[in-house]
């Protein structure tokens, strides 16, 4: 009996022990479940979702750019690109090699891909190739089982419908730099491009837009099963420019195969109507990648197609600078409209002889006649009377030392010499002979085509400080344009001289004149030497420009405006090594001004 009781007790103890152990295990399990599902539920839900949900950033369409008449200058075009996601492929290098055999990736491209993978987080897609053809996509899809982590995605290409006509002011977009990526997650999207040059860069914050997101359900191999959610990005803002694409084409075509620059402005608002730098290039190449051979051609071309000559090239203004000298002298009171100097073709100053372009000399001239005939001797004498400081002061008033804050890279300010400038630059004193040379816009004086156009606009509009702009000014902004400290009477004297240059008998630009229902143009020619003419050459005969190598020929310049009675347009033209301002640059300016009037811009 006692033995049975003992067995019962043992069984009871064992039962209680097992039950207790089970209860403890159950409590532990419940605690753990509570911890997993309640306390850390959100964490593990997120981890679970990440295993089956792939989230991608959606690139917003870049804002479109239009001209003043709503002609499309920059837009977007759908393209397809191949991407690789490192965490979804066991061997990135092997997969890249496999892809290279299908869609033709060279060794340099493969190294770039592997470098991008190494510098990105493993879940971030890296671009293998964009602008895929249908054949490329078909090959990748057919071989998808052997290409783990490779996906085809939709992208956007920037397109410039007018190509080389708009390259130097619109600029182009390009790949994002490592420094840029830190500022915006959108920039880490494979193949995403930002403004790299020109107005694409200036208006980047407005054009970029805001990114969207796409959630996709994927299987264990990373293959997309279905789309879960899509939040489309917000397209960048539209930008309307002051450029008239019709005038832009006419201005650029007017150069033919010549090299140089031209810019046309509204003289009252400063709106840029045409902006030409030739030769040009196709900005669409920079969107898809410039082939090596074309890039080398662009770099080696002696006519510098990549340079924005309107704002980044310096030129001696030559006789177009006589406008500045005339105004400086009139304002200083050292000459008036009746003051005359005699030109015999040569002037002796110290031990040097300074020559007029017209060897025989036109005789006695006042300032209007001197502008008309572009007499060098008159402006040598005038420059000596007024002095370099007053000339520099007037040049500053007319905008020759400004860069106008357009935002372009490598914008140049003018070089307007003074005594202090030379002392600082060359550690030597100013010489009077240097004032003589500055009087005809040569020597140290250097300007850009845009500065030439702005200075003329300020003279022709009655002396108001307009600045160039690619965006239309509001009425409030226009009301803030200030009057410059130049007398209306002196401006009118110079304006009369510019009218005579084109329309007067014997004017240096007489052949470029036009009359469109009474609308005529005025202007000033300029021809600047790029080589020194030796004394021996003057005695034996100066070699004709057309007989010289292209690089040794004179630059041809012209600044003009129209209509004369009610000026609206100002234009500056520089033809590199064009030989003659009157024979080459003036006809181009005439075509531009004539077109502006006929188009009714």
Protein backbone atom coordinates (compact mmCIF):
# COMPACT_ATOMS: atom_id res chain seq x y z
CA UNK A 1 0.00 0.00 0.00
CA UNK A 2 2.79 2.41 0.88
CA UNK A 3 4.60 1.39 -2.30
CA UNK A 4 1.54 2.36 -4.37
CA UNK A 5 1.33 5.68 -2.59
CA UNK A 6 4.97 6.36 -3.35
CA UNK A 7 4.45 5.63 -7.02
CA UNK A 8 1.47 7.96 -7.06
CA UNK A 9 3.44 10.72 -5.48
CA UNK A 10 6.27 10.30 -7.98
CA UNK A 11 3.80 10.40 -10.87
CA UNK A 12 2.18 13.49 -9.39
CA UNK A 13 5.51 15.24 -8.99
CA UNK A 14 6.48 14.39 -12.52
CA UNK A 15 3.16 15.64 -13.82
CA UNK A 16 3.49 18.88 -11.88
CA UNK A 17 7.07 19.25 -13.06
CA UNK A 18 6.11 18.78 -16.72
CA UNK A 19 3.10 21.04 -16.31
CA UNK A 20 5.20 23.69 -14.62
CA UNK A 21 7.88 23.47 -17.27
CA UNK A 22 5.20 23.69 -19.97
CA UNK A 23 3.66 26.70 -18.30
CA UNK A 24 7.02 28.43 -18.06
CA UNK A 25 7.74 27.64 -21.74
CA UNK A 26 4.29 28.88 -22.70
CA UNK A 27 4.79 32.10 -20.76
CA UNK A 28 8.21 32.59 -22.39
CA UNK A 29 6.69 31.96 -25.79
CA UNK A 30 3.88 34.40 -25.13
CA UNK A 31 6.34 37.01 -23.87
CA UNK A 32 8.45 36.50 -26.99
CA UNK A 33 5.40 36.69 -29.25
CA UNK A 34 4.32 39.86 -27.46
CA UNK A 35 7.81 41.25 -27.96
CA UNK A 36 7.91 40.31 -31.65
CA UNK A 37 4.36 41.25 -32.58
CA UNK A 38 3.64 44.18 -30.28
CA UNK A 39 6.84 45.78 -29.07
CA UNK A 40 8.93 45.13 -32.22
CA UNK A 41 6.15 44.38 -34.64
CA UNK A 42 6.69 47.48 -36.76
CA UNK A 43 10.39 46.72 -37.10
CA UNK A 44 9.85 43.18 -38.34
CA UNK A 45 6.97 44.20 -40.55
CA UNK A 46 9.33 46.67 -42.21
CA UNK A 47 12.00 44.01 -42.62
CA UNK A 48 9.43 41.64 -44.08
CA UNK A 49 8.16 44.28 -46.49
CA UNK A 50 11.70 45.07 -47.58
CA UNK A 51 12.15 41.43 -48.49
CA UNK A 52 9.22 41.54 -50.86
CA UNK A 53 8.82 45.25 -51.74
CA UNK A 54 11.26 47.17 -53.92
CA UNK A 55 10.96 50.94 -53.68
CA UNK A 56 12.33 53.09 -56.49
CA UNK A 57 12.60 56.83 -56.93
CA UNK A 58 10.69 58.11 -59.96
CA UNK A 59 12.48 60.80 -61.91
CA UNK A 60 10.22 63.81 -62.61
CA UNK A 61 10.13 65.23 -66.13
CA UNK A 62 12.50 68.18 -66.42
CA UNK A 63 10.80 71.52 -66.99
CA UNK A 64 10.48 72.56 -70.62
CA UNK A 65 12.10 75.69 -72.03
CA UNK A 66 10.33 77.90 -74.59
CA UNK A 67 11.23 80.97 -76.59
CA UNK A 68 9.26 84.23 -76.41
CA UNK A 69 6.70 82.86 -78.90
CA UNK A 70 6.20 79.51 -77.14
CA UNK A 71 8.47 77.62 -79.54
CA UNK A 72 9.89 74.59 -77.73
CA UNK A 73 13.65 74.86 -77.19
CA UNK A 74 14.25 72.07 -74.65
CA UNK A 75 12.00 69.09 -73.89
CA UNK A 76 12.11 65.45 -72.75
CA UNK A 77 12.01 62.12 -74.55
CA UNK A 78 11.39 58.65 -73.15
CA UNK A 79 14.25 56.17 -73.27
CA UNK A 80 15.06 52.81 -71.72
CA UNK A 81 18.08 51.87 -69.65
CA UNK A 82 19.59 48.71 -68.20
CA UNK A 83 20.37 48.76 -64.47
CA UNK A 84 22.07 46.36 -62.09
CA UNK A 85 21.23 45.98 -58.38
CA UNK A 86 24.32 44.63 -56.61
CA UNK A 87 22.50 42.92 -53.71
CA UNK A 88 20.44 40.87 -56.13
CA UNK A 89 23.35 39.31 -58.01
CA UNK A 90 25.90 36.91 -56.48
CA UNK A 91 28.76 38.07 -58.70
CA UNK A 92 28.52 41.61 -60.09
CA UNK A 93 31.63 41.39 -62.26
CA UNK A 94 30.47 38.14 -63.86
CA UNK A 95 27.02 39.56 -64.54
CA UNK A 96 28.49 42.72 -66.08
CA UNK A 97 30.68 40.56 -68.35
CA UNK A 98 27.59 38.63 -69.42
CA UNK A 99 25.71 41.84 -70.17
CA UNK A 100 28.69 43.21 -72.13
CA UNK A 101 28.50 40.26 -74.52
CA UNK A 102 24.88 41.10 -75.28
CA UNK A 103 24.74 44.91 -75.56
CA UNK A 104 28.33 45.84 -76.42
CA UNK A 105 29.96 47.40 -73.36
CA UNK A 106 33.66 48.17 -73.74
CA UNK A 107 36.29 47.73 -71.04
CA UNK A 108 36.20 51.40 -70.01
CA UNK A 109 32.42 51.27 -69.57
CA UNK A 110 32.66 48.05 -67.55
CA UNK A 111 35.24 49.56 -65.22
CA UNK A 112 33.01 52.59 -64.73
CA UNK A 113 30.06 50.33 -63.83
CA UNK A 114 32.09 48.34 -61.30
CA UNK A 115 33.38 51.59 -59.79
CA UNK A 116 29.83 52.95 -59.48
CA UNK A 117 28.70 49.71 -57.82
CA UNK A 118 31.57 49.92 -55.33
CA UNK A 119 30.69 53.52 -54.42
CA UNK A 120 26.93 52.96 -54.08
CA UNK A 121 24.87 51.13 -51.49
CA UNK A 122 24.11 47.54 -52.60
CA UNK A 123 20.37 48.12 -52.96
CA UNK A 124 20.84 51.18 -55.22
CA UNK A 125 20.54 50.49 -58.95
CA UNK A 126 23.56 51.37 -61.08
CA UNK A 127 23.26 52.19 -64.77
CA UNK A 128 24.69 49.65 -67.21
CA UNK A 129 23.62 51.42 -70.39
CA UNK A 130 20.94 53.89 -71.42
CA UNK A 131 19.20 54.61 -74.72
CA UNK A 132 18.66 50.89 -75.26
CA UNK A 133 17.49 49.81 -78.70
CA UNK A 134 14.64 47.31 -79.04
CA UNK A 135 17.23 44.71 -80.01
CA UNK A 136 19.17 45.41 -76.78
CA UNK A 137 16.04 45.06 -74.66
CA UNK A 138 15.02 41.84 -76.41
CA UNK A 139 18.43 40.26 -75.77
CA UNK A 140 18.39 41.24 -72.11
CA UNK A 141 14.87 39.92 -71.60
CA UNK A 142 15.67 36.66 -73.39
CA UNK A 143 18.70 36.09 -71.20
CA UNK A 144 17.11 37.37 -67.97
CA UNK A 145 17.46 34.03 -66.06
CA UNK A 146 21.23 34.26 -66.49
CA UNK A 147 21.41 37.94 -65.50
CA UNK A 148 20.39 38.16 -61.83
CA UNK A 149 19.96 41.72 -60.59
CA UNK A 150 19.69 43.20 -64.09
CA UNK A 151 16.50 45.18 -64.77
CA UNK A 152 15.24 47.38 -67.59
CA UNK A 153 13.86 50.70 -66.48
CA UNK A 154 12.24 53.67 -68.18
CA UNK A 155 14.28 56.88 -68.28
CA UNK A 156 14.07 60.39 -69.72
CA UNK A 157 16.41 62.05 -72.19
CA UNK A 158 16.78 65.81 -72.60
CA UNK A 159 16.19 66.88 -76.20
CA UNK A 160 16.99 70.17 -77.92
CA UNK A 161 14.83 70.46 -81.06
CA UNK A 162 16.85 73.31 -82.57
CA UNK A 163 20.19 71.64 -81.92
CA UNK A 164 23.23 73.81 -82.63
CA UNK A 165 21.14 77.00 -82.88
CA UNK A 166 20.58 77.06 -79.12
CA UNK A 167 23.70 75.33 -77.76
CA UNK A 168 25.58 78.31 -76.31
CA UNK A 169 22.77 79.89 -74.33
CA UNK A 170 20.73 76.80 -73.38
CA UNK A 171 23.77 74.71 -72.60
CA UNK A 172 23.18 71.05 -71.82
CA UNK A 173 22.61 68.49 -69.07
CA UNK A 174 25.10 65.91 -67.87
CA UNK A 175 25.84 63.23 -65.31
CA UNK A 176 25.63 64.10 -61.63
CA UNK A 177 28.91 64.61 -59.78
CA UNK A 178 29.66 62.84 -56.47
CA UNK A 179 29.37 66.16 -54.62
CA UNK A 180 25.94 66.86 -56.09
CA UNK A 181 24.52 63.52 -54.93
CA UNK A 182 24.80 64.52 -51.29
CA UNK A 183 22.35 67.38 -51.71
CA UNK A 184 19.30 65.53 -53.07
CA UNK A 185 18.35 61.79 -53.06
CA UNK A 186 16.92 62.28 -56.56
CA UNK A 187 20.43 62.80 -57.83
CA UNK A 188 21.40 59.23 -56.93
CA UNK A 189 18.99 57.79 -59.49
CA UNK A 190 20.98 56.01 -62.23
CA UNK A 191 21.27 58.09 -65.37
CA UNK A 192 19.78 61.20 -63.77
CA UNK A 193 21.17 64.35 -65.33
CA UNK A 194 21.43 67.94 -64.15
CA UNK A 195 22.18 71.23 -65.88
CA UNK A 196 25.91 71.46 -66.49
CA UNK A 197 26.19 74.58 -68.58
CA UNK A 198 24.23 77.57 -69.81
CA UNK A 199 20.64 78.26 -68.82
CA UNK A 200 20.11 74.57 -68.04
CA UNK A 201 22.47 75.13 -65.11
CA UNK A 202 21.28 78.66 -64.27
CA UNK A 203 17.64 77.51 -63.93
CA UNK A 204 18.47 74.07 -62.46
CA UNK A 205 16.44 74.52 -59.26
CA UNK A 206 13.35 75.48 -61.28
CA UNK A 207 13.75 72.88 -64.01
CA UNK A 208 14.55 69.82 -61.85
CA UNK A 209 11.13 69.14 -60.36
CA UNK A 210 10.37 66.85 -57.38
CA UNK A 211 10.85 63.09 -57.35
CA UNK A 212 8.10 60.51 -57.07
CA UNK A 213 8.21 56.90 -55.80
CA UNK A 214 7.25 53.45 -57.05
CA UNK A 215 6.65 50.39 -54.84
CA UNK A 216 6.94 47.00 -56.55
CA UNK A 217 6.39 43.49 -55.19
CA UNK A 218 9.32 41.28 -56.09
CA UNK A 219 10.05 37.58 -55.59
CA UNK A 220 13.11 36.05 -53.97
CA UNK A 221 15.07 36.53 -57.20
CA UNK A 222 14.24 40.23 -57.38
CA UNK A 223 11.86 39.79 -60.32
CA UNK A 224 8.93 42.24 -60.32
CA UNK A 225 5.61 40.55 -59.60
CA UNK A 226 3.28 43.54 -59.49
CA UNK A 227 3.09 47.27 -58.87
CA UNK A 228 1.85 48.13 -55.38
CA UNK A 229 1.87 51.92 -55.31
CA UNK A 230 2.95 54.82 -57.52
CA UNK A 231 3.43 58.47 -56.60
CA UNK A 232 4.37 60.37 -59.73
CA UNK A 233 6.96 63.10 -59.49
CA UNK A 234 6.17 66.77 -60.04
CA UNK A 235 7.42 68.12 -63.35
CA UNK A 236 9.89 70.99 -63.22
CA UNK A 237 8.71 74.50 -63.95
CA UNK A 238 8.42 75.79 -67.48
CA UNK A 239 10.82 78.58 -68.41
CA UNK A 240 10.01 81.16 -71.08
CA UNK A 241 12.97 83.02 -72.55
CA UNK A 242 13.21 86.34 -74.35
CA UNK A 243 14.96 84.66 -77.28
CA UNK A 244 13.14 84.73 -80.63
CA UNK A 245 14.03 81.44 -82.31
CA UNK A 246 13.26 82.87 -85.77
CA UNK A 247 15.74 85.69 -85.31
CA UNK A 248 18.21 83.29 -83.70
CA UNK A 249 18.26 81.12 -86.83
CA UNK A 250 18.57 84.09 -89.17
CA UNK A 251 21.42 85.57 -87.12
CA UNK A 252 23.35 82.32 -86.95
CA UNK A 253 22.85 81.47 -90.61
CA UNK A 254 24.04 84.96 -91.57
CA UNK A 255 27.58 83.97 -90.52
CA UNK A 256 27.80 81.18 -93.09
CA UNK A 257 31.10 79.41 -92.40
CA UNK A 258 32.57 82.42 -90.58
CA UNK A 259 33.60 82.28 -86.93
CA UNK A 260 32.47 84.78 -84.29
CA UNK A 261 29.56 86.02 -82.24
CA UNK A 262 26.45 88.17 -82.38
CA UNK A 263 23.91 89.33 -79.84
CA UNK A 264 20.71 91.33 -80.32
CA UNK A 265 18.89 93.20 -77.54
CA UNK A 266 15.75 95.20 -76.94
CA UNK A 267 17.30 98.60 -76.13
CA UNK A 268 14.61 99.52 -73.59
CA UNK A 269 14.33 96.30 -71.56
CA UNK A 270 17.64 94.58 -72.23
CA UNK A 271 15.79 91.44 -73.34
CA UNK A 272 18.13 89.19 -75.33
CA UNK A 273 16.51 88.43 -78.68
CA UNK A 274 19.34 86.51 -80.33
CA UNK A 275 22.52 85.03 -78.86
CA UNK A 276 24.92 83.51 -81.39
CA UNK A 277 28.35 81.96 -81.05
CA UNK A 278 29.76 80.22 -84.12
CA UNK A 279 30.78 77.64 -84.95
CA UNK A 280 28.42 75.81 -82.64
CA UNK A 281 27.79 72.20 -81.60
CA UNK A 282 24.86 69.86 -81.07
CA UNK A 283 23.91 69.84 -77.35
CA UNK A 284 21.96 66.60 -77.88
CA UNK A 285 25.31 64.81 -78.06
CA UNK A 286 25.98 65.69 -74.41
CA UNK A 287 22.70 64.10 -73.34
CA UNK A 288 23.49 60.71 -74.83
CA UNK A 289 27.28 60.84 -74.56
CA UNK A 290 29.67 62.50 -76.98
CA UNK A 291 31.57 59.97 -79.14
CA UNK A 292 35.31 60.20 -78.57
CA UNK A 293 36.12 61.18 -82.16
CA UNK A 294 33.59 64.03 -82.14
CA UNK A 295 34.84 65.24 -78.74
CA UNK A 296 38.40 65.34 -80.02
CA UNK A 297 37.28 67.29 -83.10
CA UNK A 298 35.49 69.84 -80.92
CA UNK A 299 38.55 70.30 -78.72
CA UNK A 300 41.05 70.57 -81.56
CA UNK A 301 39.00 72.89 -83.80
CA UNK A 302 40.92 76.19 -84.02
CA UNK A 303 37.62 78.07 -84.27
CA UNK A 304 36.67 76.95 -80.74
CA UNK A 305 33.08 75.71 -81.15
CA UNK A 306 32.76 74.95 -77.43
CA UNK A 307 33.53 78.54 -76.38
CA UNK A 308 30.64 80.88 -75.66
CA UNK A 309 32.17 83.81 -77.54
CA UNK A 310 29.34 86.21 -76.69
CA UNK A 311 30.40 86.41 -73.04
CA UNK A 312 33.68 84.54 -72.58
CA UNK A 313 35.93 85.81 -75.38
CA UNK A 314 37.79 89.12 -75.22
CA UNK A 315 38.25 91.24 -78.35
CA UNK A 316 39.75 94.62 -79.02
CA UNK A 317 36.69 96.77 -79.85
CA UNK A 318 38.57 98.81 -82.44
CA UNK A 319 36.67 101.73 -83.90
CA UNK A 320 33.40 100.73 -82.20
CA UNK A 321 35.06 102.13 -79.05
CA UNK A 322 35.12 105.58 -80.64
CA UNK A 323 31.54 105.95 -79.39
CA UNK A 324 32.90 105.84 -75.83
CA UNK A 325 35.74 108.27 -76.57
CA UNK A 326 33.39 110.73 -78.29
CA UNK A 327 30.94 110.71 -75.37
CA UNK A 328 33.72 111.01 -72.80
CA UNK A 329 35.15 114.06 -74.59
CA UNK A 330 31.74 115.70 -75.10
CA UNK A 331 30.77 115.15 -71.46
CA UNK A 332 34.13 116.49 -70.25
CA UNK A 333 33.70 119.57 -72.43
CA UNK A 334 37.06 119.19 -74.20
CA UNK A 335 35.24 119.08 -77.56
CA UNK A 336 31.79 120.06 -78.79
CA UNK A 337 29.88 119.31 -81.98
CA UNK A 338 31.79 122.02 -83.83
CA UNK A 339 35.33 121.10 -82.74
CA UNK A 340 37.47 120.08 -85.71
CA UNK A 341 40.76 118.27 -86.12
CA UNK A 342 42.74 117.87 -89.31
CA UNK A 343 43.63 114.40 -90.58
CA UNK A 344 46.38 114.04 -93.16
CA UNK A 345 46.66 110.28 -92.67
CA UNK A 346 49.42 110.35 -90.05
CA UNK A 347 50.05 111.96 -86.68
CA UNK A 348 53.45 112.34 -85.06
CA UNK A 349 53.55 112.09 -81.29
CA UNK A 350 56.94 112.03 -79.64
CA UNK A 351 59.12 109.59 -81.54
CA UNK A 352 56.18 107.66 -82.93
CA UNK A 353 53.96 108.02 -85.96
CA UNK A 354 50.32 107.03 -85.63
CA UNK A 355 48.49 106.25 -88.85
CA UNK A 356 44.88 106.62 -89.94
CA UNK A 357 43.27 103.67 -91.71
CA UNK A 358 42.65 106.08 -94.60
CA UNK A 359 46.19 106.79 -95.75
CA UNK A 360 45.46 110.07 -97.54
CA UNK A 361 43.35 111.41 -94.66
CA UNK A 362 39.89 113.00 -95.03
CA UNK A 363 40.99 116.54 -93.96
CA UNK A 364 39.14 118.66 -91.38
CA UNK A 365 36.42 116.83 -89.43
CA UNK A 366 34.04 117.39 -86.53
CA UNK A 367 32.90 114.55 -84.25
CA UNK A 368 29.90 113.54 -86.39
CA UNK A 369 32.05 113.43 -89.51
CA UNK A 370 34.84 111.63 -87.66
CA UNK A 371 32.40 108.88 -86.62
CA UNK A 372 31.02 108.73 -90.14
CA UNK A 373 34.46 108.25 -91.73
CA UNK A 374 35.92 106.47 -88.66
CA UNK A 375 38.89 108.84 -88.69
CA UNK A 376 41.66 107.55 -86.42
CA UNK A 377 43.56 110.85 -86.22
CA UNK A 378 40.49 112.68 -84.85
CA UNK A 379 40.17 110.16 -82.05
CA UNK A 380 43.92 110.10 -81.35
CA UNK A 381 43.71 113.86 -80.76
CA UNK A 382 40.46 113.56 -78.80
CA UNK A 383 41.80 110.82 -76.56
CA UNK A 384 44.84 112.92 -75.68
CA UNK A 385 42.63 115.87 -74.78
CA UNK A 386 40.18 113.96 -72.58
CA UNK A 387 42.68 111.51 -71.01
CA UNK A 388 42.49 107.84 -70.18
CA UNK A 389 40.74 108.34 -66.83
CA UNK A 390 37.69 110.07 -68.36
CA UNK A 391 37.57 107.47 -71.14
CA UNK A 392 37.58 104.68 -68.54
CA UNK A 393 34.89 106.46 -66.53
CA UNK A 394 32.58 106.62 -69.55
CA UNK A 395 33.32 102.98 -70.44
CA UNK A 396 32.29 102.03 -66.91
CA UNK A 397 29.02 103.99 -67.20
CA UNK A 398 28.24 102.19 -70.46
CA UNK A 399 28.79 98.77 -68.90
CA UNK A 400 32.14 97.64 -70.28
CA UNK A 401 33.39 96.34 -66.94
CA UNK A 402 30.24 94.40 -66.03
CA UNK A 403 29.46 90.69 -66.38
CA UNK A 404 25.69 91.29 -65.88
CA UNK A 405 25.26 88.22 -63.61
CA UNK A 406 23.70 86.00 -66.27
CA UNK A 407 25.09 82.97 -64.47
CA UNK A 408 27.16 81.56 -67.35
CA UNK A 409 30.52 79.97 -66.63
CA UNK A 410 33.63 81.92 -67.68
CA UNK A 411 31.83 85.22 -68.21
CA UNK A 412 34.44 87.90 -68.77
CA UNK A 413 34.45 91.48 -67.61
CA UNK A 414 35.95 94.02 -69.95
CA UNK A 415 39.50 95.29 -69.57
CA UNK A 416 39.38 99.08 -69.46
CA UNK A 417 42.86 100.39 -68.62
CA UNK A 418 43.67 103.28 -66.28
CA UNK A 419 46.90 104.57 -64.81
CA UNK A 420 46.29 102.66 -61.58
CA UNK A 421 45.38 99.50 -63.50
CA UNK A 422 48.67 99.52 -65.39
CA UNK A 423 50.66 100.25 -62.26
CA UNK A 424 49.06 97.29 -60.50
CA UNK A 425 49.20 94.94 -63.50
CA UNK A 426 52.63 95.74 -64.97
CA UNK A 427 54.32 97.75 -62.20
CA UNK A 428 55.01 100.56 -64.67
CA UNK A 429 53.67 104.03 -65.38
CA UNK A 430 51.09 104.91 -67.99
CA UNK A 431 52.42 106.42 -71.21
CA UNK A 432 50.62 109.04 -73.28
CA UNK A 433 51.13 106.93 -76.37
CA UNK A 434 48.95 104.28 -74.73
CA UNK A 435 46.14 106.82 -74.45
CA UNK A 436 46.47 107.42 -78.20
CA UNK A 437 46.02 103.71 -78.94
CA UNK A 438 43.13 103.40 -76.49
CA UNK A 439 41.42 106.22 -78.41
CA UNK A 440 40.72 103.80 -81.27
CA UNK A 441 39.86 100.82 -79.05
CA UNK A 442 43.12 98.95 -79.24
CA UNK A 443 46.09 98.38 -76.95
CA UNK A 444 44.95 97.15 -73.55
CA UNK A 445 41.22 97.67 -74.19
CA UNK A 446 39.33 94.37 -74.35
CA UNK A 447 35.57 93.73 -74.38
CA UNK A 448 33.01 91.02 -75.08
CA UNK A 449 30.33 91.15 -77.80
CA UNK A 450 27.60 91.32 -75.14
CA UNK A 451 29.24 94.40 -73.59
CA UNK A 452 29.35 96.05 -77.01
CA UNK A 453 25.63 95.48 -77.51
CA UNK A 454 24.72 96.71 -74.02
CA UNK A 455 26.84 99.86 -74.35
CA UNK A 456 25.19 100.73 -77.65
CA UNK A 457 21.72 100.10 -76.18
CA UNK A 458 22.48 102.53 -73.33
CA UNK A 459 23.54 105.19 -75.80
CA UNK A 460 20.63 104.70 -78.19
CA UNK A 461 17.80 104.39 -75.64
CA UNK A 462 18.42 107.88 -74.33
CA UNK A 463 20.95 106.98 -71.66
CA UNK A 464 19.18 104.40 -69.49
CA UNK A 465 21.01 101.66 -67.61
CA UNK A 466 19.48 98.56 -69.16
CA UNK A 467 21.10 95.22 -68.40
CA UNK A 468 20.78 92.09 -70.55
CA UNK A 469 18.32 89.41 -69.47
CA UNK A 470 16.89 86.13 -70.75
CA UNK A 471 13.66 86.65 -68.80
CA UNK A 472 11.01 89.26 -69.49
CA UNK A 473 10.94 92.13 -67.05
CA UNK A 474 7.80 93.03 -65.15
CA UNK A 475 6.46 96.57 -65.28
CA UNK A 476 7.82 97.07 -61.76
CA UNK A 477 11.29 96.00 -62.84
CA UNK A 478 11.19 98.22 -65.90
CA UNK A 479 10.28 101.20 -63.75
CA UNK A 480 13.50 100.74 -61.80
CA UNK A 481 15.77 101.24 -64.84
CA UNK A 482 17.83 104.30 -63.93
CA UNK A 483 18.97 107.22 -66.03
CA UNK A 484 22.71 107.44 -66.64
CA UNK A 485 24.65 110.68 -66.02
CA UNK A 486 25.00 111.55 -69.72
CA UNK A 487 23.37 114.60 -71.32
CA UNK A 488 20.68 114.01 -73.92
CA UNK A 489 22.33 116.57 -76.21
CA UNK A 490 25.63 114.68 -76.32
CA UNK A 491 23.87 111.36 -76.85
CA UNK A 492 22.05 112.89 -79.81
CA UNK A 493 25.31 114.15 -81.33
CA UNK A 494 26.82 110.67 -81.19
CA UNK A 495 23.61 109.11 -82.47
CA UNK A 496 23.71 111.45 -85.49
CA UNK A 497 27.25 110.30 -86.20
CA UNK A 498 26.15 106.66 -86.08
CA UNK A 499 23.33 107.40 -88.49
CA UNK A 500 25.80 108.95 -90.93
CA UNK A 501 28.07 105.87 -90.72
CA UNK A 502 25.37 103.85 -92.47
CA UNK A 503 23.29 106.37 -94.36
CA UNK A 504 25.63 109.29 -95.10
CA UNK A 505 27.60 109.68 -98.32
CA UNK A 506 31.01 108.10 -97.71
CA UNK A 507 29.94 106.41 -94.45
CA UNK A 508 32.00 103.33 -93.69
CA UNK A 509 28.91 101.05 -93.58
CA UNK A 510 27.04 102.62 -96.48
CA UNK A 511 26.69 99.30 -98.31
CA UNK A 512 24.80 97.75 -95.38
CA UNK A 513 22.05 100.41 -95.37
CA UNK A 514 18.37 99.55 -95.73
CA UNK A 515 15.06 101.37 -95.76
CA UNK A 516 12.02 99.36 -94.65
CA UNK A 517 9.02 101.64 -94.82
CA UNK A 518 11.16 104.49 -93.55
CA UNK A 519 12.95 102.45 -90.89
CA UNK A 520 16.72 102.82 -91.22
CA UNK A 521 19.63 101.65 -89.13
CA UNK A 522 22.67 103.34 -87.63
CA UNK A 523 25.88 101.90 -86.30
CA UNK A 524 29.64 101.86 -86.12
CA UNK A 525 32.18 99.73 -87.93
CA UNK A 526 35.39 98.39 -86.43
CA UNK A 527 38.40 96.50 -87.76
CA UNK A 528 41.07 95.40 -85.29
CA UNK A 529 44.55 94.14 -85.99
CA UNK A 530 45.66 90.83 -84.53
CA UNK A 531 49.23 91.27 -85.77
CA UNK A 532 51.67 94.16 -85.76
CA UNK A 533 52.36 95.90 -89.08
CA UNK A 534 56.08 96.54 -89.32
CA UNK A 535 57.71 99.76 -90.55
CA UNK A 536 59.22 97.82 -93.44
CA UNK A 537 55.77 96.61 -94.45
CA UNK A 538 54.41 100.16 -94.37
CA UNK A 539 57.21 101.27 -96.70
CA UNK A 540 57.03 98.35 -99.13
CA UNK A 541 53.28 97.70 -98.99
CA UNK A 542 51.00 96.15 -96.39
CA UNK A 543 50.12 92.54 -97.11
CA UNK A 544 46.43 92.19 -97.92
CA UNK A 545 44.34 90.35 -95.35
CA UNK A 546 43.09 87.82 -97.89
CA UNK A 547 46.71 86.86 -98.60
CA UNK A 548 47.39 86.07 -94.93
CA UNK A 549 46.73 82.91 -92.97
CA UNK A 550 43.23 82.99 -91.42
CA UNK A 551 44.62 83.40 -87.91
CA UNK A 552 46.55 86.54 -88.90
CA UNK A 553 43.65 88.41 -90.50
CA UNK A 554 41.94 91.35 -88.81
CA UNK A 555 38.82 90.91 -86.71
CA UNK A 556 35.69 92.53 -88.16
CA UNK A 557 33.21 94.29 -85.85
CA UNK A 558 29.98 96.22 -86.11
CA UNK A 559 27.50 97.60 -83.58
CA UNK A 560 24.17 98.73 -84.95
CA UNK A 561 20.64 99.72 -84.03
CA UNK A 562 17.25 100.25 -85.66
CA UNK A 563 14.98 101.97 -86.36
CA UNK A 564 16.95 105.24 -86.15
CA UNK A 565 13.94 107.45 -85.35
CA UNK A 566 12.55 105.19 -82.61
CA UNK A 567 15.32 102.74 -81.65
CA UNK A 568 14.17 99.34 -80.48
CA UNK A 569 16.95 96.88 -81.35
CA UNK A 570 20.69 96.92 -80.76
CA UNK A 571 23.09 94.36 -82.20
CA UNK A 572 26.80 93.65 -81.88
CA UNK A 573 28.64 91.44 -84.36
CA UNK A 574 32.22 90.17 -84.17
CA UNK A 575 33.60 88.11 -87.04
CA UNK A 576 36.88 86.53 -86.06
CA UNK A 577 39.55 87.22 -88.67
CA UNK A 578 36.80 88.54 -90.92
CA UNK A 579 39.12 91.24 -92.33
CA UNK A 580 36.65 94.13 -92.59
CA UNK A 581 34.02 95.53 -90.27
CA UNK A 582 32.31 97.36 -93.11
CA UNK A 583 32.53 94.51 -95.62
CA UNK A 584 31.77 91.50 -93.40
CA UNK A 585 30.37 92.38 -89.96
CA UNK A 586 28.06 95.24 -91.02
CA UNK A 587 26.12 93.13 -93.60
CA UNK A 588 25.50 90.46 -90.94
CA UNK A 589 24.20 93.06 -88.49
CA UNK A 590 22.06 94.53 -91.26
CA UNK A 591 20.41 91.15 -91.87
CA UNK A 592 19.68 90.73 -88.17
CA UNK A 593 18.18 94.21 -87.74
CA UNK A 594 16.20 93.95 -90.95
CA UNK A 595 14.77 90.59 -89.79
CA UNK A 596 13.86 91.99 -86.36
CA UNK A 597 11.86 94.78 -88.00
CA UNK A 598 10.17 92.51 -90.54
CA UNK A 599 9.28 89.92 -87.88
CA UNK A 600 7.81 92.66 -85.70
CA UNK A 601 9.47 91.36 -82.55
